[in-house]
Amino acid sequence: MASLEELIARRDKLEKTRAKGVKTVRFGRDEVTYKSDSEMAVALADLNRQIAASQGRTVRRVRIISNKGA
């Protein structure tokens, strides 16, 4: 399992990459290509859960809001 600092660094990098609209992220030697934005959102949620667990907290509720961009 990765350390807390590594998890936070991965989350921050994934958030920045997602905001740019890029689907490929590199973490050191590892490279991950996501198929969609929703797949990236799932990865972010998982990282947030791991971070919370490392800090002794649990994520009780996740609220996702979206629109069609019309």
Protein backbone atom coordinates (compact mmCIF):
# COMPACT_ATOMS: atom_id res chain seq x y z
CA MET A 1 0.00 0.00 0.00
CA ALA A 2 1.22 3.48 -0.85
CA SER A 3 2.05 6.02 1.83
CA LEU A 4 -0.29 8.89 2.62
CA GLU A 5 2.00 11.38 0.84
CA GLU A 6 2.05 9.20 -2.31
CA LEU A 7 -1.73 8.87 -2.31
CA ILE A 8 -2.19 12.63 -1.98
CA ALA A 9 0.35 13.28 -4.75
CA ARG A 10 -1.46 10.82 -7.05
CA ARG A 11 -4.83 12.40 -6.29
CA ASP A 12 -3.54 15.91 -6.94
CA LYS A 13 -1.91 14.88 -10.21
CA LEU A 14 -5.04 13.04 -11.35
CA GLU A 15 -7.22 16.07 -10.54
CA LYS A 16 -4.93 18.41 -12.51
CA THR A 17 -4.78 16.01 -15.46
CA ARG A 18 -8.55 15.59 -15.44
CA ALA A 19 -9.06 19.35 -15.40
CA LYS A 20 -6.87 19.63 -18.52
CA GLY A 21 -8.98 17.01 -20.31
CA VAL A 22 -6.05 14.61 -20.69
CA LYS A 23 -6.78 10.90 -20.30
CA THR A 24 -3.23 9.60 -19.65
CA VAL A 25 -1.46 10.05 -16.31
CA ARG A 26 2.06 9.03 -15.28
CA PHE A 27 2.95 8.16 -11.72
CA GLY A 28 6.69 7.54 -11.72
CA ARG A 29 7.21 4.48 -13.92
CA ASP A 30 3.49 3.70 -14.15
CA GLU A 31 1.29 5.12 -16.90
CA VAL A 32 -2.48 4.85 -16.80
CA THR A 33 -4.83 5.71 -19.68
CA TYR A 34 -8.48 6.19 -18.76
CA LYS A 35 -11.26 5.55 -21.26
CA SER A 36 -13.59 8.26 -20.01
CA ASP A 37 -14.01 11.07 -17.53
CA SER A 38 -16.31 8.90 -15.43
CA GLU A 39 -13.54 6.30 -15.12
CA MET A 40 -11.23 9.06 -13.83
CA ALA A 41 -13.93 10.13 -11.36
CA VAL A 42 -14.10 6.57 -10.00
CA ALA A 43 -10.30 6.52 -9.61
CA LEU A 44 -10.41 9.86 -7.75
CA ALA A 45 -13.13 8.59 -5.44
CA ASP A 46 -11.06 5.48 -4.71
CA LEU A 47 -7.97 7.59 -3.94
CA ASN A 48 -10.04 9.79 -1.63
CA ARG A 49 -11.30 6.69 0.21
CA GLN A 50 -7.74 5.38 0.59
CA ILE A 51 -6.56 8.76 1.89
CA ALA A 52 -9.42 8.92 4.37
CA ALA A 53 -8.68 5.37 5.56
CA SER A 54 -4.99 6.25 6.02
CA GLN A 55 -6.00 9.22 8.15
CA GLY A 56 -8.38 7.12 10.24
CA ARG A 57 -11.49 8.67 8.69
CA THR A 58 -14.22 7.16 6.56
CA VAL A 59 -16.10 8.75 3.69
CA ARG A 60 -19.74 8.46 4.60
CA ARG A 61 -21.36 10.24 1.70
CA VAL A 62 -20.27 11.20 -1.79
CA ARG A 63 -22.33 13.71 -3.69
CA ILE A 64 -21.86 13.97 -7.44
CA ILE A 65 -23.43 16.84 -9.33
CA SER A 66 -23.36 17.13 -13.11
CA ASN A 67 -25.16 18.85 -15.94
CA LYS A 68 -25.29 18.53 -19.70
CA GLY A 69 -23.40 21.78 -20.16
CA ALA A 70 -26.25 23.26 -22.16
